[in-house]
Amino acid sequence: MSIHLILGGARSGKSSFAETLAKQYEKNEQSQVYYLATAQSLDGEMSARIKQHKQQRPKHWALIESPIQLASAIKQLVLTHQSEHKTPITILVDCLTLWLSNCLCSSEKNQWQQEKQHLLNVLCDYAQTSEVNLLLVSNEVGHGIVPMGELSRDFVDQAGWLHQEIAAIATNVDFIMAGIALSLKSNPLKSKSLNSQVKK
């Protein structure tokens, strides 16, 4: 499994970058793309964001909504791929920080720690699975002022720790700023091929 972590601030271009990578996997490897959305339409502003994301991505991509049980959704897709083995697959998760927020706000005790560990286990268990590309989009929230509220501080801390743990496992890590990607970690062979396509 190729694991690609894509970080960036709000409106940095991280989602567009991830979608461009998914399109290249689709074109170059005839990969089937699955879009795992973690957002929940809880208010008008979030509904507008969800609508915008739907409009900018290809309509034929399979959509799976997974606001909390993200690891289970990824695992199921990988297992289905292994059993059928028809074509390579690309899984685009957008985004990890909304998933984190959903888990932290859940009424179920220890929801976040359980789901986080499940995700890390899935990434490690299937790291050697071939023909699976996993694109993980997440907000880098640790560059701003330290929040005053306890929940907000915990959110920033948990996001930072999550990013570190996934980055240690990932084959590629990119930081997106103003629509430009800065490579923090890369698989030289795959990155060279993909980056040349993204820049076109």
Protein backbone atom coordinates (compact mmCIF):
# COMPACT_ATOMS: atom_id res chain seq x y z
CA MET A 1 0.00 0.00 0.00
CA SER A 2 1.28 3.42 -0.96
CA ILE A 3 0.40 5.79 1.91
CA HIS A 4 0.53 9.49 1.02
CA LEU A 5 -0.13 12.07 3.77
CA ILE A 6 -1.08 15.51 2.44
CA LEU A 7 -1.04 18.36 4.96
CA GLY A 8 -1.98 22.02 4.61
CA GLY A 9 -3.90 24.89 6.12
CA ALA A 10 -7.38 26.07 5.20
CA ARG A 11 -7.74 26.84 1.47
CA SER A 12 -4.13 25.82 0.88
CA GLY A 13 -4.98 23.62 -2.11
CA LYS A 14 -4.42 20.32 -0.30
CA SER A 15 -7.70 18.74 -1.45
CA SER A 16 -7.12 19.79 -5.06
CA PHE A 17 -3.59 18.37 -4.89
CA ALA A 18 -4.90 15.05 -3.57
CA GLU A 19 -7.59 14.91 -6.23
CA THR A 20 -5.00 15.58 -8.94
CA LEU A 21 -2.92 12.67 -7.64
CA ALA A 22 -5.99 10.43 -7.63
CA LYS A 23 -6.73 11.40 -11.24
CA GLN A 24 -3.17 10.49 -12.22
CA TYR A 25 -3.43 7.09 -10.54
CA GLU A 26 -6.70 6.60 -12.39
CA LYS A 27 -5.11 7.54 -15.71
CA ASN A 28 -1.72 5.84 -15.36
CA GLU A 29 -2.71 2.68 -13.48
CA GLN A 30 -6.39 2.38 -14.50
CA SER A 31 -7.05 2.66 -10.78
CA GLN A 32 -10.60 2.77 -9.43
CA VAL A 33 -10.99 5.76 -7.10
CA TYR A 34 -12.94 5.68 -3.84
CA TYR A 35 -13.58 8.99 -2.08
CA LEU A 36 -13.97 8.60 1.70
CA ALA A 37 -15.65 11.71 3.08
CA THR A 38 -15.55 12.38 6.83
CA ALA A 39 -17.59 15.63 6.86
CA GLN A 40 -21.06 15.79 8.37
CA SER A 41 -23.62 18.30 7.13
CA LEU A 42 -24.46 19.82 10.50
CA ASP A 43 -24.93 23.45 9.44
CA GLY A 44 -25.29 25.64 6.36
CA GLU A 45 -21.61 26.52 6.12
CA MET A 46 -20.49 22.90 6.20
CA SER A 47 -23.21 21.94 3.72
CA ALA A 48 -21.84 24.56 1.32
CA ARG A 49 -18.30 23.17 1.71
CA ILE A 50 -19.51 19.64 1.04
CA LYS A 51 -21.37 20.82 -2.05
CA GLN A 52 -18.24 22.57 -3.36
CA HIS A 53 -16.13 19.44 -2.91
CA LYS A 54 -18.74 17.35 -4.73
CA GLN A 55 -18.72 19.76 -7.66
CA GLN A 56 -14.95 19.79 -8.05
CA ARG A 57 -14.32 16.03 -8.06
CA PRO A 58 -15.25 13.58 -10.85
CA LYS A 59 -18.82 12.33 -10.55
CA HIS A 60 -17.89 8.73 -11.37
CA TRP A 61 -15.71 8.34 -8.28
CA ALA A 62 -17.34 6.08 -5.69
CA LEU A 63 -18.35 8.06 -2.59
CA ILE A 64 -18.28 6.51 0.88
CA GLU A 65 -19.29 8.63 3.87
CA SER A 66 -17.39 7.61 6.97
CA PRO A 67 -17.45 10.31 9.66
CA ILE A 68 -16.17 8.05 12.47
CA GLN A 69 -15.46 4.44 11.43
CA LEU A 70 -12.78 5.42 8.94
CA ALA A 71 -10.41 2.53 9.58
CA SER A 72 -13.16 -0.03 9.05
CA ALA A 73 -14.09 1.57 5.72
CA ILE A 74 -10.48 1.51 4.50
CA LYS A 75 -10.00 -2.09 5.66
CA GLN A 76 -13.17 -3.23 3.89
CA LEU A 77 -12.06 -1.65 0.61
CA VAL A 78 -8.62 -3.29 0.86
CA LEU A 79 -10.09 -6.71 1.70
CA THR A 80 -12.56 -6.46 -1.18
CA HIS A 81 -9.71 -5.54 -3.51
CA GLN A 82 -7.64 -8.51 -2.30
CA SER A 83 -10.51 -10.96 -2.85
CA GLU A 84 -11.49 -9.68 -6.29
CA HIS A 85 -8.12 -8.35 -7.47
CA LYS A 86 -9.64 -6.84 -10.59
CA THR A 87 -7.88 -3.49 -10.79
CA PRO A 88 -5.70 -1.20 -8.65
CA ILE A 89 -7.61 1.04 -6.27
CA THR A 90 -7.01 4.54 -4.94
CA ILE A 91 -8.61 5.58 -1.65
CA LEU A 92 -8.80 9.34 -1.04
CA VAL A 93 -9.67 10.34 2.53
CA ASP A 94 -10.75 13.97 3.03
CA CYS A 95 -10.11 14.76 5.76
CA LEU A 96 -8.46 13.36 8.88
CA THR A 97 -9.04 16.44 11.03
CA LEU A 98 -12.81 16.36 10.51
CA TRP A 99 -12.69 12.68 11.44
CA LEU A 100 -10.74 13.62 14.59
CA SER A 101 -13.30 16.29 15.46
CA ASN A 102 -16.18 13.84 14.97
CA CYS A 103 -14.54 11.31 17.28
CA LEU A 104 -13.67 13.85 19.99
CA CYS A 105 -17.26 15.14 20.01
CA SER A 106 -18.75 11.64 20.09
CA SER A 107 -20.79 10.65 23.12
CA GLU A 108 -18.99 7.30 23.23
CA LYS A 109 -16.16 7.27 25.77
CA ASN A 110 -12.63 6.77 24.38
CA GLN A 111 -14.00 6.83 20.81
CA TRP A 112 -11.01 8.77 19.50
CA GLN A 113 -8.26 6.61 20.98
CA GLN A 114 -9.98 3.43 19.78
CA GLU A 115 -10.56 4.70 16.24
CA LYS A 116 -7.08 6.18 15.99
CA GLN A 117 -5.41 2.94 17.05
CA HIS A 118 -7.63 1.00 14.64
CA LEU A 119 -6.49 3.23 11.77
CA LEU A 120 -2.80 2.88 12.65
CA ASN A 121 -3.23 -0.90 12.89
CA VAL A 122 -4.89 -1.03 9.46
CA LEU A 123 -2.11 1.06 7.91
CA CYS A 124 0.56 -1.22 9.38
CA ASP A 125 -1.29 -4.47 8.64
CA TYR A 126 -1.80 -3.66 4.96
CA ALA A 127 1.35 -1.64 4.28
CA GLN A 128 2.68 -4.39 2.01
CA THR A 129 -0.54 -4.73 0.00
CA SER A 130 0.16 -4.01 -3.65
CA GLU A 131 -1.98 -1.99 -6.05
CA VAL A 132 -3.58 0.11 -3.30
CA ASN A 133 -2.92 3.85 -3.11
CA LEU A 134 -4.09 5.65 0.03
CA LEU A 135 -4.24 9.46 -0.01
CA LEU A 136 -4.84 11.03 3.41
CA VAL A 137 -5.71 14.74 3.49
CA SER A 138 -5.45 16.63 6.77
CA ASN A 139 -5.34 20.17 8.13
CA GLU A 140 -2.11 21.36 9.72
CA VAL A 141 -3.51 23.22 12.74
CA GLY A 142 -0.40 23.54 14.88
CA HIS A 143 1.06 26.68 13.29
CA GLY A 144 -1.34 29.19 14.83
CA ILE A 145 -1.98 30.66 18.27
CA VAL A 146 -2.51 28.11 21.05
CA PRO A 147 -6.30 27.97 21.67
CA MET A 148 -7.73 29.01 25.05
CA GLY A 149 -10.37 26.29 25.39
CA GLU A 150 -9.51 22.82 26.71
CA LEU A 151 -11.26 20.96 23.87
CA SER A 152 -9.60 23.16 21.24
CA ARG A 153 -6.14 22.61 22.76
CA ASP A 154 -6.75 18.87 22.89
CA PHE A 155 -7.84 18.92 19.24
CA VAL A 156 -4.60 20.65 18.18
CA ASP A 157 -2.50 18.25 20.27
CA GLN A 158 -4.25 15.14 18.98
CA ALA A 159 -3.97 16.30 15.36
CA GLY A 160 -0.24 16.88 15.77
CA TRP A 161 0.36 13.47 17.31
CA LEU A 162 -1.77 11.78 14.66
CA HIS A 163 0.20 13.44 11.86
CA GLN A 164 3.51 12.35 13.40
CA GLU A 165 2.39 8.73 13.71
CA ILE A 166 1.02 8.53 10.18
CA ALA A 167 4.04 10.34 8.72
CA ALA A 168 6.30 7.69 10.27
CA ILE A 169 4.38 4.99 8.38
CA ALA A 170 3.70 6.90 5.16
CA THR A 171 5.69 6.47 1.96
CA ASN A 172 5.09 10.11 1.01
CA VAL A 173 4.33 13.28 2.99
CA ASP A 174 3.62 16.63 1.32
CA PHE A 175 2.87 20.03 2.84
CA ILE A 176 0.73 22.28 0.65
CA MET A 177 0.97 26.07 0.87
CA ALA A 178 -0.63 28.50 -1.61
CA GLY A 179 -1.30 25.57 -3.92
CA ILE A 180 2.37 24.55 -4.00
CA ALA A 181 3.56 21.21 -2.65
CA LEU A 182 6.62 20.92 -0.43
CA SER A 183 7.82 17.32 -0.19
CA LEU A 184 8.68 16.35 3.39
CA LYS A 185 9.14 12.62 2.75
CA SER A 186 9.07 10.69 -0.47
CA ASN A 187 9.39 7.41 -2.26
CA PRO A 188 11.82 8.61 -4.97
CA LEU A 189 10.55 6.42 -7.81
CA LYS A 190 6.82 6.98 -7.30
CA SER A 191 7.19 10.68 -6.41
CA LYS A 192 9.19 11.49 -9.53
CA SER A 193 6.55 9.93 -11.76
CA LEU A 194 3.55 11.49 -10.03
CA ASN A 195 5.03 14.95 -9.52
CA SER A 196 5.91 15.23 -13.19
CA GLN A 197 2.27 14.51 -14.02
CA VAL A 198 0.86 16.90 -11.39
CA LYS A 199 2.94 19.79 -12.72
CA LYS A 200 1.60 19.41 -16.27
